[in-house]
Amino acid sequence: MVQLTRILCKYTPPWFNLEVGNGGRYFKKYNLFRMTGGFYGRNRNTYKNARNKWTKRIEYENRDRGEKKIQFRDLTSQRVLAACREHDYPFHLFITALPQMDIELDRKTLANLAIWEPRTFKSLIELAKEFHHANPVDPMMDRPKPVSVISREMLNQS
């Protein structure tokens, strides 16, 4: 087999050298400049600035990844809340009624329905209203009764 690589590398410029001493410095810089090509000013074409800005960008991406999810969840909840207010129905009753009726829609899907298919969302609200009329929920019944308070029920039991 003919070693064409050695013959071809004989005529390559010195910065293109893949030897151990160079460590691929040219290609490291080249790849960094490719990644920072969209940055502004010297942050895209001077190595020190580009490296610093790139590392900061990676830090911000990692830090804000979780916050982005939280913001989108808040946005979808606000959209569903606004649609519930538009139909004069409490948000917490609507959200709790859906799983009890075996309707498994997440908040993102509900927000998309509220924006793009308001009639479908209105029918979901109607279903929730019917469900709550059939199964009335007393919010005071869910709370535990305090021990130090004597109620009429306790007096009637004895």
N, C-alpha and C. Protein backbone atom coordinates (compact mmCIF):
# COMPACT_ATOMS: atom_id res chain seq x y z
N MET A 1 0.85 -1.18 0.00
CA MET A 1 0.00 0.00 0.00
C MET A 1 0.89 1.25 0.00
N VAL A 2 0.55 2.17 -0.80
CA VAL A 2 1.34 3.39 -0.92
C VAL A 2 0.88 4.38 0.14
N GLN A 3 1.82 4.98 0.83
CA GLN A 3 1.50 5.95 1.86
C GLN A 3 1.30 7.32 1.23
N LEU A 4 0.11 7.55 0.68
CA LEU A 4 -0.17 8.83 0.04
C LEU A 4 -0.30 9.95 1.06
N THR A 5 -0.70 9.62 2.28
CA THR A 5 -0.88 10.66 3.28
C THR A 5 0.41 11.41 3.54
N ARG A 6 1.51 10.67 3.70
CA ARG A 6 2.80 11.31 3.94
C ARG A 6 3.23 12.16 2.76
N ILE A 7 2.95 11.67 1.55
CA ILE A 7 3.34 12.43 0.36
C ILE A 7 2.52 13.70 0.25
N LEU A 8 1.21 13.59 0.51
CA LEU A 8 0.36 14.77 0.42
C LEU A 8 0.63 15.75 1.55
N CYS A 9 0.93 15.24 2.75
CA CYS A 9 1.21 16.12 3.89
C CYS A 9 2.54 16.85 3.71
N LYS A 10 3.37 16.37 2.81
CA LYS A 10 4.65 17.02 2.56
C LYS A 10 4.45 18.44 2.04
N TYR A 11 3.35 18.65 1.33
CA TYR A 11 3.11 19.95 0.70
C TYR A 11 2.06 20.77 1.44
N THR A 12 1.68 20.37 2.62
CA THR A 12 0.68 21.14 3.37
C THR A 12 1.35 22.25 4.15
N PRO A 13 0.64 23.32 4.42
CA PRO A 13 1.22 24.42 5.19
C PRO A 13 1.53 23.96 6.62
N PRO A 14 2.43 24.65 7.32
CA PRO A 14 2.85 24.20 8.65
C PRO A 14 1.73 24.23 9.69
N TRP A 15 0.77 25.13 9.55
CA TRP A 15 -0.30 25.20 10.54
C TRP A 15 -1.28 24.04 10.40
N PHE A 16 -1.23 23.30 9.30
CA PHE A 16 -2.11 22.18 9.03
C PHE A 16 -1.55 20.89 9.59
N ASN A 17 -0.44 20.97 10.29
CA ASN A 17 0.25 19.80 10.78
C ASN A 17 -0.55 19.09 11.86
N LEU A 18 -0.67 17.78 11.74
CA LEU A 18 -1.42 16.99 12.71
C LEU A 18 -0.50 16.28 13.69
N GLU A 19 0.74 16.71 13.76
CA GLU A 19 1.71 16.07 14.65
C GLU A 19 1.32 16.32 16.12
N VAL A 20 1.95 15.59 17.01
CA VAL A 20 1.64 15.70 18.42
C VAL A 20 2.05 17.05 18.98
N GLY A 21 3.13 17.61 18.52
CA GLY A 21 3.63 18.87 19.04
C GLY A 21 2.65 20.02 18.83
N ASN A 22 1.96 20.01 17.71
CA ASN A 22 1.01 21.07 17.41
C ASN A 22 -0.28 20.86 18.20
N GLY A 23 -0.68 19.62 18.39
CA GLY A 23 -1.87 19.34 19.17
C GLY A 23 -3.16 19.70 18.47
N GLY A 24 -3.14 19.92 17.17
CA GLY A 24 -4.36 20.28 16.45
C GLY A 24 -4.87 21.66 16.82
N ARG A 25 -3.95 22.58 17.16
CA ARG A 25 -4.34 23.91 17.60
C ARG A 25 -5.15 24.64 16.54
N TYR A 26 -4.75 24.50 15.29
CA TYR A 26 -5.47 25.19 14.22
C TYR A 26 -6.92 24.72 14.17
N PHE A 27 -7.13 23.41 14.27
CA PHE A 27 -8.48 22.88 14.15
C PHE A 27 -9.33 23.24 15.37
N LYS A 28 -8.71 23.34 16.55
CA LYS A 28 -9.44 23.78 17.74
C LYS A 28 -9.94 25.21 17.54
N LYS A 29 -9.04 26.06 17.05
CA LYS A 29 -9.44 27.45 16.82
C LYS A 29 -10.49 27.55 15.71
N TYR A 30 -10.27 26.77 14.67
CA TYR A 30 -11.20 26.78 13.54
C TYR A 30 -12.61 26.38 13.97
N ASN A 31 -12.69 25.32 14.78
CA ASN A 31 -14.00 24.88 15.26
C ASN A 31 -14.64 25.90 16.18
N LEU A 32 -13.82 26.55 17.03
CA LEU A 32 -14.36 27.58 17.90
C LEU A 32 -14.89 28.75 17.09
N PHE A 33 -14.15 29.18 16.08
CA PHE A 33 -14.62 30.30 15.26
C PHE A 33 -15.88 29.94 14.48
N ARG A 34 -16.01 28.67 14.11
CA ARG A 34 -17.25 28.23 13.45
C ARG A 34 -18.43 28.33 14.41
N MET A 35 -18.21 27.96 15.68
CA MET A 35 -19.30 27.99 16.66
C MET A 35 -19.67 29.41 17.06
N THR A 36 -18.70 30.33 17.02
CA THR A 36 -18.98 31.71 17.44
C THR A 36 -19.21 32.63 16.24
N GLY A 37 -19.51 32.07 15.11
CA GLY A 37 -19.68 32.89 13.91
C GLY A 37 -20.84 33.86 13.97
N GLY A 38 -21.84 33.57 14.82
CA GLY A 38 -22.99 34.45 14.91
C GLY A 38 -22.86 35.53 15.96
N PHE A 39 -21.75 35.56 16.67
CA PHE A 39 -21.55 36.56 17.72
C PHE A 39 -21.23 37.91 17.09
N TYR A 40 -21.26 38.95 17.92
CA TYR A 40 -21.08 40.32 17.44
C TYR A 40 -19.66 40.80 17.71
N GLY A 41 -19.09 41.49 16.72
CA GLY A 41 -17.80 42.16 16.89
C GLY A 41 -16.64 41.19 17.03
N ARG A 42 -15.72 41.54 17.94
CA ARG A 42 -14.53 40.72 18.12
C ARG A 42 -14.82 39.39 18.81
N ASN A 43 -16.02 39.26 19.33
CA ASN A 43 -16.38 38.02 20.01
C ASN A 43 -16.46 36.85 19.03
N ARG A 44 -16.41 37.12 17.79
CA ARG A 44 -16.50 36.03 16.81
C ARG A 44 -15.17 35.68 16.17
N ASN A 45 -14.18 36.57 16.19
CA ASN A 45 -12.97 36.29 15.41
C ASN A 45 -11.66 36.50 16.16
N THR A 46 -11.70 36.84 17.44
CA THR A 46 -10.46 36.81 18.21
C THR A 46 -10.58 35.66 19.20
N TYR A 47 -9.55 34.86 19.30
CA TYR A 47 -9.64 33.58 20.01
C TYR A 47 -10.00 33.75 21.48
N LYS A 48 -9.35 34.67 22.16
CA LYS A 48 -9.58 34.83 23.59
C LYS A 48 -11.01 35.27 23.87
N ASN A 49 -11.48 36.28 23.15
CA ASN A 49 -12.85 36.76 23.35
C ASN A 49 -13.87 35.69 22.96
N ALA A 50 -13.60 35.02 21.85
CA ALA A 50 -14.53 33.99 21.39
C ALA A 50 -14.62 32.84 22.40
N ARG A 51 -13.50 32.44 22.95
CA ARG A 51 -13.50 31.35 23.93
C ARG A 51 -14.28 31.76 25.18
N ASN A 52 -14.05 32.98 25.65
CA ASN A 52 -14.75 33.44 26.86
C ASN A 52 -16.26 33.55 26.63
N LYS A 53 -16.63 34.11 25.50
CA LYS A 53 -18.06 34.26 25.21
C LYS A 53 -18.73 32.90 25.02
N TRP A 54 -18.01 31.95 24.41
CA TRP A 54 -18.58 30.63 24.18
C TRP A 54 -18.79 29.89 25.50
N THR A 55 -17.82 29.99 26.41
CA THR A 55 -17.99 29.32 27.69
C THR A 55 -19.13 29.95 28.49
N LYS A 56 -19.26 31.27 28.43
CA LYS A 56 -20.37 31.94 29.11
C LYS A 56 -21.71 31.50 28.52
N ARG A 57 -21.74 31.36 27.19
CA ARG A 57 -22.97 30.94 26.53
C ARG A 57 -23.38 29.54 26.99
N ILE A 58 -22.42 28.65 27.11
CA ILE A 58 -22.72 27.29 27.57
C ILE A 58 -23.22 27.32 29.01
N GLU A 59 -22.61 28.17 29.86
CA GLU A 59 -23.07 28.29 31.24
C GLU A 59 -24.50 28.78 31.30
N TYR A 60 -24.82 29.81 30.50
CA TYR A 60 -26.17 30.36 30.50
C TYR A 60 -27.18 29.33 29.99
N GLU A 61 -26.80 28.56 28.96
CA GLU A 61 -27.71 27.55 28.44
C GLU A 61 -28.03 26.50 29.49
N ASN A 62 -27.01 26.05 30.20
CA ASN A 62 -27.24 25.04 31.23
C ASN A 62 -28.06 25.60 32.38
N ARG A 63 -27.79 26.83 32.77
CA ARG A 63 -28.51 27.43 33.89
C ARG A 63 -29.97 27.68 33.54
N ASP A 64 -30.22 28.16 32.33
CA ASP A 64 -31.56 28.58 31.96
C ASP A 64 -32.42 27.47 31.40
N ARG A 65 -31.87 26.26 31.25
CA ARG A 65 -32.65 25.17 30.68
C ARG A 65 -33.85 24.83 31.56
N GLY A 66 -33.62 24.75 32.86
CA GLY A 66 -34.73 24.45 33.76
C GLY A 66 -35.70 25.61 33.89
N GLU A 67 -35.16 26.82 33.89
CA GLU A 67 -36.02 28.00 34.01
C GLU A 67 -36.93 28.16 32.80
N LYS A 68 -36.44 27.75 31.64
CA LYS A 68 -37.24 27.83 30.42
C LYS A 68 -38.48 26.94 30.55
N LYS A 69 -38.32 25.76 31.11
CA LYS A 69 -39.45 24.86 31.30
C LYS A 69 -40.46 25.45 32.25
N ILE A 70 -39.97 26.08 33.32
CA ILE A 70 -40.86 26.71 34.29
C ILE A 70 -41.65 27.84 33.65
N GLN A 71 -40.97 28.64 32.84
CA GLN A 71 -41.65 29.76 32.18
C GLN A 71 -42.71 29.28 31.21
N PHE A 72 -42.44 28.21 30.48
CA PHE A 72 -43.44 27.69 29.55
C PHE A 72 -44.62 27.09 30.30
N ARG A 73 -44.36 26.46 31.43
CA ARG A 73 -45.47 25.93 32.22
C ARG A 73 -46.34 27.07 32.73
N ASP A 74 -45.72 28.15 33.20
CA ASP A 74 -46.48 29.31 33.66
C ASP A 74 -47.28 29.93 32.52
N LEU A 75 -46.68 29.99 31.35
CA LEU A 75 -47.37 30.57 30.19
C LEU A 75 -48.61 29.76 29.83
N THR A 76 -48.46 28.43 29.79
CA THR A 76 -49.61 27.59 29.44
C THR A 76 -50.69 27.68 30.52
N SER A 77 -50.28 27.74 31.78
CA SER A 77 -51.27 27.87 32.86
C SER A 77 -52.01 29.20 32.75
N GLN A 78 -51.32 30.26 32.41
CA GLN A 78 -51.97 31.57 32.25
C GLN A 78 -52.96 31.55 31.10
N ARG A 79 -52.61 30.87 30.03
CA ARG A 79 -53.52 30.80 28.89
C ARG A 79 -54.79 30.02 29.25
N VAL A 80 -54.62 28.91 29.96
CA VAL A 80 -55.80 28.13 30.37
C VAL A 80 -56.62 28.93 31.38
N LEU A 81 -55.96 29.63 32.29
CA LEU A 81 -56.66 30.45 33.27
C LEU A 81 -57.47 31.55 32.58
N ALA A 82 -56.88 32.19 31.58
CA ALA A 82 -57.60 33.25 30.85
C ALA A 82 -58.82 32.68 30.12
N ALA A 83 -58.66 31.49 29.54
CA ALA A 83 -59.79 30.88 28.84
C ALA A 83 -60.88 30.47 29.82
N CYS A 84 -60.50 30.01 31.02
CA CYS A 84 -61.50 29.67 32.03
C CYS A 84 -62.24 30.92 32.50
N ARG A 85 -61.51 32.01 32.69
CA ARG A 85 -62.16 33.26 33.09
C ARG A 85 -63.10 33.77 32.00
N GLU A 86 -62.74 33.54 30.77
CA GLU A 86 -63.59 33.96 29.65
C GLU A 86 -64.94 33.24 29.69
N HIS A 87 -64.93 32.00 30.18
CA HIS A 87 -66.17 31.22 30.26
C HIS A 87 -66.76 31.21 31.67
N ASP A 88 -66.25 32.07 32.55
CA ASP A 88 -66.75 32.23 33.92
C ASP A 88 -66.75 30.91 34.70
N TYR A 89 -65.62 30.25 34.71
CA TYR A 89 -65.51 29.00 35.47
C TYR A 89 -64.17 29.00 36.19
N PRO A 90 -64.14 28.61 37.46
CA PRO A 90 -62.87 28.65 38.21
C PRO A 90 -61.84 27.67 37.66
N PHE A 91 -60.62 28.14 37.61
CA PHE A 91 -59.52 27.35 37.04
C PHE A 91 -59.27 26.08 37.85
N HIS A 92 -59.26 26.20 39.17
CA HIS A 92 -58.93 25.04 40.00
C HIS A 92 -59.99 23.95 39.88
N LEU A 93 -61.25 24.34 39.71
CA LEU A 93 -62.29 23.33 39.53
C LEU A 93 -62.15 22.64 38.17
N PHE A 94 -61.77 23.42 37.17
CA PHE A 94 -61.60 22.85 35.83
C PHE A 94 -60.45 21.85 35.79
N ILE A 95 -59.31 22.23 36.40
CA ILE A 95 -58.13 21.38 36.38
C ILE A 95 -58.37 20.10 37.19
N THR A 96 -59.09 20.20 38.30
CA THR A 96 -59.34 19.01 39.10
C THR A 96 -60.43 18.12 38.52
N ALA A 97 -61.33 18.68 37.73
CA ALA A 97 -62.42 17.88 37.17
C ALA A 97 -61.95 17.00 36.02
N LEU A 98 -60.99 17.47 35.24
CA LEU A 98 -60.56 16.70 34.07
C LEU A 98 -60.03 15.31 34.41
N PRO A 99 -59.11 15.14 35.35
CA PRO A 99 -58.65 13.78 35.65
C PRO A 99 -59.74 12.91 36.27
N GLN A 100 -60.66 13.53 37.00
CA GLN A 100 -61.75 12.76 37.60
C GLN A 100 -62.72 12.24 36.55
N MET A 101 -62.79 12.93 35.41
CA MET A 101 -63.65 12.48 34.30
C MET A 101 -62.88 11.60 33.32
N ASP A 102 -61.63 11.23 33.67
CA ASP A 102 -60.76 10.42 32.81
C ASP A 102 -60.43 11.12 31.50
N ILE A 103 -60.27 12.42 31.55
CA ILE A 103 -59.79 13.20 30.40
C ILE A 103 -58.35 13.55 30.71
N GLU A 104 -57.42 12.95 29.99
CA GLU A 104 -56.01 13.13 30.28
C GLU A 104 -55.38 14.08 29.26
N LEU A 105 -55.51 15.35 29.54
CA LEU A 105 -54.90 16.39 28.70
C LEU A 105 -53.97 17.20 29.58
N ASP A 106 -52.74 17.43 29.10
CA ASP A 106 -51.81 18.25 29.87
C ASP A 106 -52.09 19.73 29.61
N ARG A 107 -51.38 20.58 30.34
CA ARG A 107 -51.64 22.02 30.26
C ARG A 107 -51.28 22.60 28.89
N LYS A 108 -50.26 22.05 28.28
CA LYS A 108 -49.86 22.55 26.97
C LYS A 108 -50.96 22.28 25.94
N THR A 109 -51.53 21.09 25.99
CA THR A 109 -52.61 20.75 25.07
C THR A 109 -53.84 21.61 25.35
N LEU A 110 -54.13 21.81 26.63
CA LEU A 110 -55.28 22.66 26.97
C LEU A 110 -55.08 24.10 26.50
N ALA A 111 -53.84 24.60 26.61
CA ALA A 111 -53.55 25.96 26.15
C ALA A 111 -53.71 26.06 24.64
N ASN A 112 -53.25 25.04 23.92
CA ASN A 112 -53.42 25.05 22.46
C ASN A 112 -54.90 24.97 22.08
N LEU A 113 -55.66 24.17 22.81
CA LEU A 113 -57.11 24.11 22.54
C LEU A 113 -57.77 25.46 22.82
N ALA A 114 -57.35 26.12 23.91
CA ALA A 114 -57.94 27.41 24.26
C ALA A 114 -57.66 28.46 23.19
N ILE A 115 -56.48 28.38 22.56
CA ILE A 115 -56.13 29.39 21.57
C ILE A 115 -56.70 29.05 20.20
N TRP A 116 -56.49 27.83 19.74
CA TRP A 116 -56.79 27.49 18.35
C TRP A 116 -58.14 26.83 18.16
N GLU A 117 -58.70 26.23 19.21
CA GLU A 117 -60.01 25.59 19.09
C GLU A 117 -60.88 25.97 20.30
N PRO A 118 -61.38 27.21 20.31
CA PRO A 118 -62.12 27.66 21.48
C PRO A 118 -63.43 26.91 21.70
N ARG A 119 -64.05 26.41 20.64
CA ARG A 119 -65.31 25.66 20.82
C ARG A 119 -65.05 24.33 21.53
N THR A 120 -63.96 23.68 21.19
CA THR A 120 -63.60 22.44 21.88
C THR A 120 -63.31 22.71 23.35
N PHE A 121 -62.61 23.80 23.62
CA PHE A 121 -62.32 24.16 25.00
C PHE A 121 -63.60 24.48 25.75
N LYS A 122 -64.52 25.16 25.08
CA LYS A 122 -65.81 25.48 25.71
C LYS A 122 -66.57 24.20 26.05
N SER A 123 -66.50 23.20 25.16
CA SER A 123 -67.18 21.93 25.46
C SER A 123 -66.54 21.23 26.66
N LEU A 124 -65.21 21.35 26.81
CA LEU A 124 -64.55 20.79 28.00
C LEU A 124 -65.03 21.50 29.27
N ILE A 125 -65.21 22.80 29.19
CA ILE A 125 -65.70 23.55 30.34
C ILE A 125 -67.13 23.11 30.67
N GLU A 126 -67.94 22.91 29.64
CA GLU A 126 -69.32 22.45 29.87
C GLU A 126 -69.31 21.08 30.55
N LEU A 127 -68.41 20.19 30.11
CA LEU A 127 -68.30 18.88 30.74
C LEU A 127 -67.90 19.00 32.21
N ALA A 128 -66.96 19.89 32.48
CA ALA A 128 -66.52 20.10 33.87
C ALA A 128 -67.66 20.67 34.72
N LYS A 129 -68.45 21.58 34.16
CA LYS A 129 -69.59 22.14 34.89
C LYS A 129 -70.61 21.05 35.21
N GLU A 130 -70.91 20.22 34.23
CA GLU A 130 -71.86 19.12 34.46
C GLU A 130 -71.33 18.15 35.51
N PHE A 131 -70.05 17.88 35.45
CA PHE A 131 -69.45 16.96 36.41
C PHE A 131 -69.57 17.52 37.83
N HIS A 132 -69.32 18.82 38.00
CA HIS A 132 -69.39 19.41 39.33
C HIS A 132 -70.82 19.57 39.82
N HIS A 133 -71.78 19.72 38.90
CA HIS A 133 -73.17 19.76 39.32
C HIS A 133 -73.61 18.37 39.79
N ALA A 134 -73.12 17.33 39.13
CA ALA A 134 -73.47 15.96 39.52
C ALA A 134 -72.74 15.54 40.79
N ASN A 135 -71.51 15.99 40.96
CA ASN A 135 -70.69 15.64 42.13
C ASN A 135 -70.26 16.92 42.84
N PRO A 136 -71.11 17.49 43.68
CA PRO A 136 -70.71 18.74 44.33
C PRO A 136 -69.55 18.50 45.30
N VAL A 137 -68.64 19.45 45.32
CA VAL A 137 -67.46 19.36 46.17
C VAL A 137 -67.52 20.49 47.18
N ASP A 138 -67.44 20.13 48.46
CA ASP A 138 -67.39 21.13 49.51
C ASP A 138 -65.93 21.33 49.90
N PRO A 139 -65.37 22.51 49.66
CA PRO A 139 -63.94 22.69 49.96
C PRO A 139 -63.62 22.57 51.45
N MET A 140 -64.61 22.79 52.33
CA MET A 140 -64.35 22.69 53.76
C MET A 140 -64.26 21.24 54.23
N MET A 141 -64.82 20.31 53.46
CA MET A 141 -64.80 18.90 53.87
C MET A 141 -63.41 18.29 53.71
N ASP A 142 -62.61 18.83 52.82
CA ASP A 142 -61.28 18.27 52.57
C ASP A 142 -60.28 18.62 53.66
N ARG A 143 -60.55 19.69 54.41
CA ARG A 143 -59.60 20.14 55.42
C ARG A 143 -59.73 19.29 56.69
N PRO A 144 -58.60 18.99 57.33
CA PRO A 144 -58.70 18.26 58.60
C PRO A 144 -59.23 19.18 59.71
N LYS A 145 -60.02 18.60 60.58
CA LYS A 145 -60.60 19.40 61.66
C LYS A 145 -59.57 19.56 62.77
N PRO A 146 -59.47 20.76 63.34
CA PRO A 146 -58.52 20.96 64.43
C PRO A 146 -58.93 20.18 65.67
N VAL A 147 -57.95 19.74 66.41
CA VAL A 147 -58.19 18.90 67.58
C VAL A 147 -58.71 19.72 68.75
N SER A 148 -58.24 20.93 68.87
CA SER A 148 -58.57 21.74 70.05
C SER A 148 -59.96 22.35 70.00
N VAL A 149 -60.68 22.23 68.89
CA VAL A 149 -61.99 22.85 68.75
C VAL A 149 -63.07 21.80 68.98
N ILE A 150 -64.05 22.13 69.78
CA ILE A 150 -65.18 21.23 70.04
C ILE A 150 -66.29 21.62 69.08
N SER A 151 -66.78 20.65 68.32
CA SER A 151 -67.84 20.91 67.35
C SER A 151 -69.14 20.28 67.82
N ARG A 152 -70.24 20.60 67.13
CA ARG A 152 -71.54 20.03 67.47
C ARG A 152 -71.55 18.52 67.24
N GLU A 153 -70.81 18.09 66.22
CA GLU A 153 -70.74 16.65 65.96
C GLU A 153 -70.16 15.90 67.14
N MET A 154 -69.13 16.47 67.76
CA MET A 154 -68.51 15.82 68.91
C MET A 154 -69.47 15.77 70.10
N LEU A 155 -70.27 16.82 70.27
CA LEU A 155 -71.23 16.85 71.37
C LEU A 155 -72.37 15.85 71.14
N ASN A 156 -72.80 15.72 69.88
CA ASN A 156 -73.90 14.82 69.57
C ASN A 156 -73.47 13.36 69.67
N GLN A 157 -72.21 13.05 69.51
CA GLN A 157 -71.74 11.67 69.57
C GLN A 157 -71.76 11.13 70.99
N SER A 158 -71.59 11.96 71.96
CA SER A 158 -71.52 11.46 73.34
C SER A 158 -72.86 11.36 74.01
